[in-house]
C-alpha atoms as a PDB file:
ATOM      1  CA  MET A   1       7.784   7.714  -5.724  1.00  0.00           C
ATOM      2  CA  ALA A   2       8.232   4.228  -6.055  1.00  0.00           C
ATOM      3  CA  PHE A   3       6.659   1.860  -3.765  1.00  0.00           C
ATOM      4  CA  SER A   4      10.170   0.430  -2.805  1.00  0.00           C
ATOM      5  CA  ASN A   5      10.925   3.713  -1.269  1.00  0.00           C
ATOM      6  CA  TYR A   6       8.053   4.046   1.064  1.00  0.00           C
ATOM      7  CA  LYS A   7       9.444   1.936   3.714  1.00  0.00           C
ATOM      8  CA  ASN A   8      10.717   4.728   6.193  1.00  0.00           C
ATOM      9  CA  ILE A   9       8.016   7.611   5.112  1.00  0.00           C
ATOM     10  CA  HIS A  10       6.012   7.363   8.344  1.00  0.00           C
ATOM     11  CA  GLN A  11       9.160   7.557  10.444  1.00  0.00           C
ATOM     12  CA  GLN A  12      10.599  10.458   8.212  1.00  0.00           C
ATOM     13  CA  PHE A  13       7.199  12.118   8.557  1.00  0.00           C
ATOM     14  CA  ALA A  14       6.515  12.113  12.337  1.00  0.00           C
ATOM     15  CA  SER A  15      10.372  13.074  13.041  1.00  0.00           C
ATOM     16  CA  ARG A  16       9.876  16.062  10.783  1.00  0.00           C
ATOM     17  CA  ALA A  17       6.410  16.478  12.933  1.00  0.00           C
ATOM     18  CA  VAL A  18       8.187  16.492  16.360  1.00  0.00           C
ATOM     19  CA  SER A  19      11.302  18.737  15.130  1.00  0.00           C
ATOM     20  CA  ILE A  20       8.687  21.399  13.936  1.00  0.00           C
ATOM     21  CA  PHE A  21       6.364  21.108  17.066  1.00  0.00           C
ATOM     22  CA  ARG A  22       9.184  20.998  19.781  1.00  0.00           C
ATOM     23  CA  LEU A  23       9.267  24.591  18.714  1.00  0.00           C
ATOM     24  CA  ASP A  24       5.683  25.552  19.591  1.00  0.00           C
ATOM     25  CA  GLU A  25       5.081  26.024  23.286  1.00  0.00           C
ATOM     26  CA  ASN A  26       1.466  25.457  22.993  1.00  0.00           C
ATOM     27  CA  ILE A  27       2.200  21.866  22.028  1.00  0.00           C
ATOM     28  CA  ALA A  28       2.834  19.724  25.218  1.00  0.00           C
ATOM     29  CA  GLY A  29       3.692  16.596  23.185  1.00  0.00           C
ATOM     30  CA  VAL A  30       3.148  14.274  20.274  1.00  0.00           C
ATOM     31  CA  ALA A  31       2.057  10.796  20.076  1.00  0.00           C
ATOM     32  CA  VAL A  32       1.728   7.923  17.572  1.00  0.00           C
ATOM     33  CA  ALA A  33      -1.216   5.457  17.473  1.00  0.00           C
ATOM     34  CA  GLY A  34      -2.341   2.651  15.060  1.00  0.00           C
ATOM     35  CA  SER A  35      -0.090   0.377  13.224  1.00  0.00           C
ATOM     36  CA  TRP A  36       2.672   2.301  14.799  1.00  0.00           C
ATOM     37  CA  ILE A  37       1.799   0.488  18.443  1.00  0.00           C
ATOM     38  CA  THR A  38       2.188  -2.948  17.133  1.00  0.00           C
ATOM     39  CA  ALA A  39       5.170  -2.555  14.725  1.00  0.00           C
ATOM     40  CA  GLU A  40       2.530  -3.475  11.770  1.00  0.00           C
ATOM     41  CA  LEU A  41       3.296  -0.045   9.578  1.00  0.00           C
ATOM     42  CA  ASP A  42       3.793  -1.140   5.862  1.00  0.00           C
ATOM     43  CA  THR A  43       3.805   0.493   2.130  1.00  0.00           C
ATOM     44  CA  PHE A  44       0.157   0.714   2.711  1.00  0.00           C
ATOM     45  CA  SER A  45      -0.448   2.236   6.112  1.00  0.00           C
ATOM     46  CA  ASP A  46      -1.777   5.589   7.229  1.00  0.00           C
ATOM     47  CA  LEU A  47      -0.137   7.474  10.021  1.00  0.00           C
ATOM     48  CA  ASP A  48      -1.912   8.330  13.184  1.00  0.00           C
ATOM     49  CA  LEU A  49      -0.451  11.230  15.054  1.00  0.00           C
ATOM     50  CA  ILE A  50      -1.577  12.769  18.130  1.00  0.00           C
ATOM     51  CA  ILE A  51      -0.887  16.215  18.818  1.00  0.00           C
ATOM     52  CA  ILE A  52      -1.180  17.072  22.481  1.00  0.00           C
ATOM     53  CA  THR A  53      -1.874  20.982  23.242  1.00  0.00           C
ATOM     54  CA  THR A  54      -1.997  23.061  26.370  1.00  0.00           C
ATOM     55  CA  GLU A  55      -4.722  25.410  25.131  1.00  0.00           C
ATOM     56  CA  PRO A  56      -7.599  23.392  23.313  1.00  0.00           C
ATOM     57  CA  VAL A  57      -7.228  23.176  19.198  1.00  0.00           C
ATOM     58  CA  GLY A  58      -9.391  20.226  18.470  1.00  0.00           C
ATOM     59  CA  GLY A  59     -12.507  21.310  17.168  1.00  0.00           C
ATOM     60  CA  ASN A  60     -11.080  24.439  15.590  1.00  0.00           C
ATOM     61  CA  ARG A  61     -10.769  23.918  11.834  1.00  0.00           C
ATOM     62  CA  ASP A  62      -8.877  26.676  10.993  1.00  0.00           C
ATOM     63  CA  ARG A  63      -6.327  26.281  13.649  1.00  0.00           C
ATOM     64  CA  MET A  64      -5.969  22.854  12.887  1.00  0.00           C
ATOM     65  CA  THR A  65      -5.796  23.098   9.203  1.00  0.00           C
ATOM     66  CA  ALA A  66      -2.788  25.838  10.522  1.00  0.00           C
ATOM     67  CA  TYR A  67      -0.846  23.149  12.145  1.00  0.00           C
ATOM     68  CA  ALA A  68      -1.268  20.679   9.641  1.00  0.00           C
ATOM     69  CA  ASN A  69       0.134  22.866   6.950  1.00  0.00           C
ATOM     70  CA  ARG A  70       3.346  22.959   8.877  1.00  0.00           C
ATOM     71  CA  LEU A  71       4.119  19.619   8.291  1.00  0.00           C
ATOM     72  CA  GLY A  72       4.772  19.459   4.709  1.00  0.00           C
ATOM     73  CA  ASN A  73       3.024  19.660   1.058  1.00  0.00           C
ATOM     74  CA  LEU A  74      -0.715  19.787   2.014  1.00  0.00           C
ATOM     75  CA  LEU A  75      -2.904  18.410  -0.729  1.00  0.00           C
ATOM     76  CA  ASN A  76      -6.156  18.258   1.019  1.00  0.00           C
ATOM     77  CA  ALA A  77      -7.446  18.355   4.857  1.00  0.00           C
ATOM     78  CA  PHE A  78     -10.662  17.682   6.221  1.00  0.00           C
ATOM     79  CA  THR A  79     -11.981  17.244   9.761  1.00  0.00           C
ATOM     80  CA  GLY A  80     -13.704  14.207  10.951  1.00  0.00           C
ATOM     81  CA  GLU A  81     -17.238  14.631  11.566  1.00  0.00           C
ATOM     82  CA  HIS A  82     -18.206  11.429   9.434  1.00  0.00           C
ATOM     83  CA  VAL A  83     -16.828   9.407  11.908  1.00  0.00           C
ATOM     84  CA  GLY A  84     -17.932  11.553  15.065  1.00  0.00           C
ATOM     85  CA  GLU A  85     -14.617  12.937  15.910  1.00  0.00           C
ATOM     86  CA  SER A  86     -14.303  16.904  15.220  1.00  0.00           C
ATOM     87  CA  ARG A  87     -10.911  16.849  16.926  1.00  0.00           C
ATOM     88  CA  LEU A  88      -9.876  14.613  13.940  1.00  0.00           C
ATOM     89  CA  MET A  89      -7.826  16.125  10.931  1.00  0.00           C
ATOM     90  CA  ILE A  90      -7.728  13.746   7.953  1.00  0.00           C
ATOM     91  CA  CYS A  91      -4.835  14.877   6.068  1.00  0.00           C
ATOM     92  CA  LEU A  92      -3.061  13.854   2.673  1.00  0.00           C
ATOM     93  CA  TYR A  93       0.362  15.085   1.698  1.00  0.00           C
ATOM     94  CA  ASN A  94       2.397  14.963  -1.051  1.00  0.00           C
ATOM     95  CA  ASP A  95       6.007  14.487  -2.089  1.00  0.00           C
ATOM     96  CA  PRO A  96       5.424  11.281  -0.889  1.00  0.00           C
ATOM     97  CA  LEU A  97       2.110  10.929  -1.106  1.00  0.00           C
ATOM     98  CA  LEU A  98       0.666  10.115   2.495  1.00  0.00           C
ATOM     99  CA  HIS A  99      -2.555   9.943   4.509  1.00  0.00           C
ATOM    100  CA  VAL A 100      -1.851  11.202   8.028  1.00  0.00           C
ATOM    101  CA  ASP A 101      -4.419  11.603  10.563  1.00  0.00           C
ATOM    102  CA  LEU A 102      -4.308  14.345  13.073  1.00  0.00           C
ATOM    103  CA  LYS A 103      -6.060  14.313  16.111  1.00  0.00           C
ATOM    104  CA  PHE A 104      -5.605  17.677  18.426  1.00  0.00           C
ATOM    105  CA  VAL A 105      -6.303  16.746  22.242  1.00  0.00           C
ATOM    106  CA  THR A 106      -5.798  18.479  25.835  1.00  0.00           C
ATOM    107  CA  ILE A 107      -3.366  17.138  28.209  1.00  0.00           C
ATOM    108  CA  GLU A 108      -6.414  16.005  30.220  1.00  0.00           C
ATOM    109  CA  GLU A 109      -8.068  14.265  27.124  1.00  0.00           C
ATOM    110  CA  PHE A 110      -4.949  12.200  26.428  1.00  0.00           C
ATOM    111  CA  GLY A 111      -5.475  10.047  29.079  1.00  0.00           C
ATOM    112  CA  ILE A 112      -9.119   9.266  27.929  1.00  0.00           C
ATOM    113  CA  ARG A 113      -8.178   6.258  25.243  1.00  0.00           C
ATOM    114  CA  ILE A 114      -8.696   3.142  23.400  1.00  0.00           C
ATOM    115  CA  GLU A 115      -5.071   2.129  22.802  1.00  0.00           C
ATOM    116  CA  THR A 116      -1.928   3.142  24.367  1.00  0.00           C
ATOM    117  CA  PRO A 117      -0.073   4.982  21.985  1.00  0.00           C
ATOM    118  CA  VAL A 118       3.777   5.752  21.864  1.00  0.00           C
ATOM    119  CA  ILE A 119       5.184   8.688  22.915  1.00  0.00           C
ATOM    120  CA  LEU A 120       7.401  10.654  20.623  1.00  0.00           C
ATOM    121  CA  PHE A 121       7.981  13.710  22.375  1.00  0.00           C
ATOM    122  CA  ASP A 122       6.778  14.936  25.860  1.00  0.00           C
ATOM    123  CA  ARG A 123       7.608  18.412  27.041  1.00  0.00           C
ATOM    124  CA  GLU A 124       7.164  17.893  30.366  1.00  0.00           C
ATOM    125  CA  GLY A 125       6.664  14.429  31.298  1.00  0.00           C
ATOM    126  CA  GLN A 126       3.068  14.861  31.951  1.00  0.00           C
ATOM    127  CA  LEU A 127       2.080  12.651  28.970  1.00  0.00           C
ATOM    128  CA  GLN A 128       3.843   9.443  30.429  1.00  0.00           C
ATOM    129  CA  ARG A 129       2.234  10.113  33.838  1.00  0.00           C
ATOM    130  CA  TYR A 130      -1.378  10.317  32.230  1.00  0.00           C
ATOM    131  CA  ILE A 131      -0.634   6.836  30.631  1.00  0.00           C
ATOM    132  CA  GLU A 132       0.745   5.238  34.127  1.00  0.00           C
ATOM    133  CA  ASN A 133      -2.326   6.842  35.601  1.00  0.00           C
ATOM    134  CA  SER A 134      -5.204   5.580  33.396  1.00  0.00           C
ATOM    135  CA  GLU A 135      -6.034   2.775  31.193  1.00  0.00           C
ATOM    136  CA  ALA A 136      -6.745   2.016  27.545  1.00  0.00           C
ATOM    137  CA  ASN A 137     -10.775   1.283  26.785  1.00  0.00           C
ATOM    138  CA  PHE A 138     -11.372  -0.224  23.605  1.00  0.00           C
ATOM    139  CA  PRO A 139     -15.534  -0.184  23.150  1.00  0.00           C
ATOM    140  CA  HIS A 140     -16.748  -3.494  22.810  1.00  0.00           C
ATOM    141  CA  PRO A 141     -20.092  -3.995  21.169  1.00  0.00           C
ATOM    142  CA  ASP A 142     -23.451  -4.020  23.344  1.00  0.00           C
ATOM    143  CA  TYR A 143     -24.749  -7.619  22.532  1.00  0.00           C
ATOM    144  CA  GLN A 144     -28.355  -6.797  23.829  1.00  0.00           C
ATOM    145  CA  TRP A 145     -28.124  -3.866  21.188  1.00  0.00           C
ATOM    146  CA  ILE A 146     -27.043  -6.039  18.469  1.00  0.00           C
ATOM    147  CA  GLU A 147     -29.984  -8.783  19.525  1.00  0.00           C
ATOM    148  CA  ASP A 148     -32.907  -6.258  19.748  1.00  0.00           C
ATOM    149  CA  ARG A 149     -31.915  -5.188  16.405  1.00  0.00           C
ATOM    150  CA  PHE A 150     -30.701  -7.916  14.239  1.00  0.00           C
ATOM    151  CA  TRP A 151     -33.518  -9.768  13.346  1.00  0.00           C
ATOM    152  CA  THR A 152     -35.407  -6.605  12.019  1.00  0.00           C
ATOM    153  CA  TRP A 153     -32.412  -5.829   9.963  1.00  0.00           C
ATOM    154  CA  VAL A 154     -32.914  -9.142   8.363  1.00  0.00           C
ATOM    155  CA  HIS A 155     -36.471  -8.569   7.618  1.00  0.00           C
ATOM    156  CA  TYR A 156     -35.614  -5.362   6.033  1.00  0.00           C
ATOM    157  CA  GLY A 157     -32.765  -6.648   3.946  1.00  0.00           C
ATOM    158  CA  LEU A 158     -35.378  -9.364   2.356  1.00  0.00           C
ATOM    159  CA  LEU A 159     -37.741  -6.659   1.642  1.00  0.00           C
ATOM    160  CA  LYS A 160     -34.933  -4.954  -0.641  1.00  0.00           C
ATOM    161  CA  VAL A 161     -34.349  -8.449  -2.092  1.00  0.00           C
ATOM    162  CA  GLY A 162     -38.024  -8.759  -2.620  1.00  0.00           C
ATOM    163  CA  ARG A 163     -38.418  -5.237  -4.431  1.00  0.00           C
ATOM    164  CA  GLY A 164     -35.278  -5.779  -6.636  1.00  0.00           C
ATOM    165  CA  GLU A 165     -33.257  -3.356  -5.119  1.00  0.00           C
ATOM    166  CA  TYR A 166     -30.046  -5.382  -4.732  1.00  0.00           C
ATOM    167  CA  PHE A 167     -27.649  -2.671  -4.136  1.00  0.00           C
ATOM    168  CA  GLU A 168     -29.603  -1.496  -1.191  1.00  0.00           C
ATOM    169  CA  ALA A 169     -29.271  -5.377   0.116  1.00  0.00           C
ATOM    170  CA  LEU A 170     -25.736  -5.406  -0.780  1.00  0.00           C
ATOM    171  CA  ASP A 171     -25.052  -2.099   1.191  1.00  0.00           C
ATOM    172  CA  PHE A 172     -27.035  -3.687   4.243  1.00  0.00           C
ATOM    173  CA  MET A 173     -24.824  -6.866   4.135  1.00  0.00           C
ATOM    174  CA  SER A 174     -21.888  -4.783   4.268  1.00  0.00           C
ATOM    175  CA  TYR A 175     -23.466  -3.086   7.465  1.00  0.00           C
ATOM    176  CA  LEU A 176     -24.273  -6.563   9.246  1.00  0.00           C
ATOM    177  CA  ARG A 177     -20.194  -7.464   8.502  1.00  0.00           C
ATOM    178  CA  MET A 178     -19.159  -3.984  10.100  1.00  0.00           C
ATOM    179  CA  VAL A 179     -21.713  -3.803  13.026  1.00  0.00           C
ATOM    180  CA  VAL A 180     -22.131  -7.553  13.887  1.00  0.00           C
ATOM    181  CA  PHE A 181     -20.211 -10.237  12.005  1.00  0.00           C
ATOM    182  CA  GLY A 182     -16.992  -8.546  12.014  1.00  0.00           C
ATOM    183  CA  PRO A 183     -16.737  -7.468  15.561  1.00  0.00           C
ATOM    184  CA  LEU A 184     -18.416 -10.698  17.406  1.00  0.00           C
ATOM    185  CA  LEU A 185     -15.722 -12.800  15.072  1.00  0.00           C
ATOM    186  CA  GLN A 186     -12.911 -10.968  16.162  1.00  0.00           C
ATOM    187  CA  ILE A 187     -13.832 -11.100  19.879  1.00  0.00           C
ATOM    188  CA  SER A 188     -14.092 -15.084  19.273  1.00  0.00           C
ATOM    189  CA  ASN A 189     -10.729 -14.971  18.068  1.00  0.00           C
ATOM    190  CA  GLY A 190      -9.377 -13.054  20.656  1.00  0.00           C
ATOM    191  CA  ASN A 191      -8.917  -9.760  19.043  1.00  0.00           C
ATOM    192  CA  LEU A 192     -10.447  -6.271  19.579  1.00  0.00           C
ATOM    193  CA  PRO A 193     -13.800  -5.765  18.008  1.00  0.00           C
ATOM    194  CA  ARG A 194     -12.119  -3.478  15.539  1.00  0.00           C
ATOM    195  CA  GLY A 195     -14.937  -4.379  12.512  1.00  0.00           C
ATOM    196  CA  VAL A 196     -13.604  -6.110   9.656  1.00  0.00           C
ATOM    197  CA  ARG A 197     -10.238  -4.403  10.078  1.00  0.00           C
ATOM    198  CA  LYS A 198      -7.323  -7.243   9.085  1.00  0.00           C
ATOM    199  CA  VAL A 199      -9.950 -10.293   9.470  1.00  0.00           C
ATOM    200  CA  GLU A 200      -7.909 -11.701   6.522  1.00  0.00           C
ATOM    201  CA  VAL A 201      -4.764 -12.210   8.894  1.00  0.00           C
ATOM    202  CA  GLN A 202      -6.577 -12.170  12.492  1.00  0.00           C
ATOM    203  CA  LEU A 203      -9.201 -14.675  11.862  1.00  0.00           C
ATOM    204  CA  ASN A 204      -8.631 -18.800  11.923  1.00  0.00           C
ATOM    205  CA  SER A 205      -9.728 -20.437   8.722  1.00  0.00           C
ATOM    206  CA  ARG A 206     -13.180 -21.443   9.846  1.00  0.00           C
ATOM    207  CA  ASP A 207     -14.448 -18.185  10.407  1.00  0.00           C
ATOM    208  CA  LEU A 208     -12.830 -16.134   7.995  1.00  0.00           C
ATOM    209  CA  ALA A 209     -14.968 -18.616   5.701  1.00  0.00           C
ATOM    210  CA  ALA A 210     -17.645 -17.857   7.582  1.00  0.00           C
ATOM    211  CA  LEU A 211     -17.583 -14.486   6.892  1.00  0.00           C
ATOM    212  CA  LYS A 212     -16.934 -14.890   3.079  1.00  0.00           C
ATOM    213  CA  GLY A 213     -20.176 -16.596   3.255  1.00  0.00           C
ATOM    214  CA  THR A 214     -21.998 -13.342   3.747  1.00  0.00           C
ATOM    215  CA  LEU A 215     -20.762 -11.853   0.398  1.00  0.00           C
ATOM    216  CA  ALA A 216     -22.727 -11.429  -1.970  1.00  0.00           C
ATOM    217  CA  ARG A 217     -23.106 -11.027  -6.030  1.00  0.00           C
ATOM    218  CA  HIS A 218     -25.688  -8.352  -7.599  1.00  0.00           C
ATOM    219  CA  ASP A 219     -28.759 -11.077  -7.765  1.00  0.00           C
ATOM    220  CA  LYS A 220     -31.370 -12.355  -5.711  1.00  0.00           C
ATOM    221  CA  VAL A 221     -30.134 -15.855  -5.386  1.00  0.00           C
ATOM    222  CA  SER A 222     -26.974 -14.804  -4.182  1.00  0.00           C
ATOM    223  CA  ILE A 223     -28.032 -12.413  -2.056  1.00  0.00           C
ATOM    224  CA  MET A 224     -30.735 -14.614  -0.462  1.00  0.00           C
ATOM    225  CA  ARG A 225     -28.230 -17.290  -0.129  1.00  0.00           C
ATOM    226  CA  SER A 226     -25.848 -15.096   1.844  1.00  0.00           C
ATOM    227  CA  ILE A 227     -28.960 -13.891   4.123  1.00  0.00           C
ATOM    228  CA  GLY A 228     -29.205 -17.683   5.014  1.00  0.00           C
ATOM    229  CA  HIS A 229     -25.779 -17.805   5.880  1.00  0.00           C
ATOM    230  CA  SER A 230     -25.859 -14.923   7.925  1.00  0.00           C
ATOM    231  CA  ILE A 231     -28.965 -16.047  10.134  1.00  0.00           C
ATOM    232  CA  GLY A 232     -26.704 -19.444  10.313  1.00  0.00           C
ATOM    233  CA  LEU A 233     -23.643 -17.584  11.488  1.00  0.00           C
ATOM    234  CA  TYR A 234     -25.494 -14.939  13.819  1.00  0.00           C
ATOM    235  CA  SER A 235     -26.972 -17.776  15.601  1.00  0.00           C
ATOM    236  CA  ARG A 236     -23.467 -19.621  16.341  1.00  0.00           C
ATOM    237  CA  LEU A 237     -22.054 -16.727  17.456  1.00  0.00           C
ATOM    238  CA  ARG A 238     -24.755 -15.729  19.618  1.00  0.00           C
ATOM    239  CA  GLN A 239     -24.567 -19.129  21.377  1.00  0.00           C
ATOM    240  CA  MET A 240     -20.688 -18.788  21.772  1.00  0.00           C
ATOM    241  CA  LEU A 241     -20.827 -15.138  23.121  1.00  0.00           C
ATOM    242  CA  PHE A 242     -23.696 -14.014  24.773  1.00  0.00           C
ATOM    243  CA  THR A 243     -24.420 -14.757  28.227  1.00  0.00           C
ATOM    244  CA  GLU A 244     -27.572 -15.778  29.970  1.00  0.00           C
ATOM    245  CA  ASN A 245     -28.483 -12.343  31.112  1.00  0.00           C
ATOM    246  CA  ILE A 246     -28.939 -11.307  27.136  1.00  0.00           C
ATOM    247  CA  ILE A 247     -32.851 -11.483  26.445  1.00  0.00           C
ATOM    248  CA  ARG A 248     -33.315 -13.354  23.288  1.00  0.00           C
ATOM    249  CA  LYS A 249     -35.620 -11.886  20.865  1.00  0.00           C
ATOM    250  CA  ILE A 250     -37.200 -15.466  20.103  1.00  0.00           C
ATOM    251  CA  GLU A 251     -40.430 -14.783  18.742  1.00  0.00           C
ATOM    252  CA  THR A 252     -38.958 -12.005  16.244  1.00  0.00           C
ATOM    253  CA  GLU A 253     -36.498 -14.745  15.204  1.00  0.00           C
ATOM    254  CA  LYS A 254     -38.861 -17.453  14.488  1.00  0.00           C
ATOM    255  CA  ALA A 255     -41.218 -15.153  12.540  1.00  0.00           C
ATOM    256  CA  VAL A 256     -38.347 -13.549  10.274  1.00  0.00           C
ATOM    257  CA  ILE A 257     -36.913 -17.037   9.625  1.00  0.00           C
ATOM    258  CA  ALA A 258     -40.416 -18.347   8.782  1.00  0.00           C
ATOM    259  CA  TYR A 259     -40.590 -15.271   6.535  1.00  0.00           C
ATOM    260  CA  TYR A 260     -37.296 -16.080   4.970  1.00  0.00           C
ATOM    261  CA  GLU A 261     -37.949 -19.435   4.149  1.00  0.00           C
ATOM    262  CA  GLU A 262     -41.368 -18.699   2.806  1.00  0.00           C
ATOM    263  CA  MET A 263     -39.419 -15.897   0.603  1.00  0.00           C
ATOM    264  CA  MET A 264     -37.328 -18.747  -0.674  1.00  0.00           C
ATOM    265  CA  ARG A 265     -39.968 -20.833  -1.815  1.00  0.00           C
ATOM    266  CA  PHE A 266     -41.558 -17.760  -3.355  1.00  0.00           C
ATOM    267  CA  LEU A 267     -38.575 -17.090  -5.617  1.00  0.00           C
ATOM    268  CA  ARG A 268     -37.872 -20.836  -6.015  1.00  0.00           C
ATOM    269  CA  ILE A 269     -34.397 -21.257  -4.674  1.00  0.00           C
ATOM    270  CA  SER A 270     -33.267 -23.902  -3.106  1.00  0.00           C
END
């Protein structure tokens, strides 16, 4: 299918899913999350459907797969343990090619959420009542957890550079962007801390440039400079966001920065 024909495939798929699930009395409702909520669906979006059941289905791979098979030409499907969610079935459909996440929850579980989905089908009005009587709570990073680990993580990254394990060091930098810099920069820009999701359009120009400074090529000079840039970026974000009750690991910080500076001299990097 040409990309120009992808415009309405998410709505078409969701509409077909609702028409199919209406016939199943075990389905209490269908909702949709993700980009649909903020009207940001585009050609390259996936579709996040929440299937609410009266009897538990989530976690039962065979039953989840059977439901997924009803919705179209299912090429492949697997459960979401790798993201800590066994109730999630990640699906790839064909004709057209579309990534669809199906999350199976009970009515009671529907009220525990990180965002407020759009209800597409509500058999007895229960879903709307659960939304009205509960709040969405998106998990925020634990600043103390980050501070307790950051400087030891930096030292670990330096060891990888010293040993010439540059791919390991690059993976380490990617991890820092996902769990430290992305979330903290998102918060400082008034966004939910969704890692590095959509940072290209959601960060101000200064912060986006700062995040780009943590990127590195596969060589020791580039990686070392990106680590130095990361140290400065973390210090700025910590000063901006952390409250006085966060215990700074000052001695660890001093030791690691001294180690970084000595390593820069040893490697003859200016």
